[in-house]
Amino acid sequence: MLLFTPGPTPVPEFVRVAMSEPTIHHRTKEFEEVFAKTRELLKEMIGLPEVLMLASSGSGAMEASVRSLCRKKVLTINSGKFGERFSKIAKAFNIPYVEIKNEWDTPASLESVMEALKNDSEIDTFCIQACESAGGLRHSYEVIAKAIKEYNKDIMVIVDGITAMGVEKLDVSCVDALIGGSQKAFMLPPGMSIIGLSEAAIKIIEERNIGFYFNLATELKNQRKNTTAWTAPTTIIIGLCAFLQKAKEIGFDKIYQETKARSLATDAAMEGIGLMIYPKIPALSMSAVFDKEAEEIRKILKSEFGVNIAGGQDDLKGKIFRINHMGLIPLSEISWVVNAVELSLERLGRRKFNGLANQIFLEKYYLSMNGK
């Protein structure tokens, strides 16, 4: 079975081999060496001065970031299930918040964000997704973050990059907390989150010293010594170290280029056989296709062609299917998926299979890889 859900992603053999070694204790020099190497590779890839690894899913990092950085009121963007989660976190901890709500195919507008800030001087934190994976939407977070910092440099900008980190080179020049997750582009099992931090964020975290398990000040103090405040997800960190070493060997920019080429080519192939890409601005991490027979297509892909892709959630349940592009994906595998989608349409009596999807995919892919 080919796993093409946008998280969890497949775990490559070289990562599985690294994680299959006998478990080592998290309070040893051996693990500290692995932890130190992983931290440095993450900082190099993310481009922020500090990075934390937490034994939690991405939602734990979202909670920790909001609680640690918001002093008065938070402004959130809700264009899907995960943007909504920022608001739910604020509500759970009685943190005042303002929410800008959009349709799930619609990105945040700079105008609406700036209007909200100008109407409420208490807002000191802004939360947004780089990719809202519920609908495969890409927010122009970097444009909005830059405008926010020009308006008030003290407003903290938190970006959920869980389905964007490792997919593209993210502009972090105006970002204070960038959140990632193990089971996405890093091709690891679920269970670990990542937070890249700016110097301004570090200062606030250390001053406020908020929380117990998710106390980022405590984690900073410990992780700077190459250990963790609580029991570390040792096996996942060992796997992450192996993945990052391989990614650096390949070249981060090469991975970004290949991911972009795969994503754009798949979107073009889907449109070429009469399907509709759902979001107004698609993210590179996945192809989200809106179709009245989305569930039937998913069932055929799984039962007849050995391809497992994701469906929609909440209001989009049964209305979209999502194909992953995160991680190190062999060209032959995504080519199989593209062919299988076209064959599924033939099974449903919608079009005769003639290989058009794969033709479009390969042409677009190789043109993109050659900078055209």
Foldseek 3Di string as FASTA:
>chain_A
DAEFAQWQHAADPLLVVLLPPDDDAQPDPVLLVLLVLLFVLLCVQQVAPGKFKAQAFLLLVLLLLCQQQQDAEEEFEALDDVSVSNVVSCVVVVHHYHYDYDHNQDADDLVVVVVVCVVDVNHQEYEEECARVLQQHGHPLVVNLVVVCVVPVRRAYEYEDQLPRLQARDDCPRHAWYKYFLSHLLNFHGGMMMIGGHPSSLVSLCVVQDDDSSNVNQQVVAVVSSGGPDGDPSSSSSSSSSSSVVCVVVNSNLNNLLLQLQQVLLLQLCVVLPWAFRHPHGDSFKGKTFDQQAVLLQVCCCPPVNYHWAFHDDVRGNGITIGGSRYDDDPVVSLSVQLSSLVSCVVVVNDDDDCSSSVSSVVSSVCSSVPD
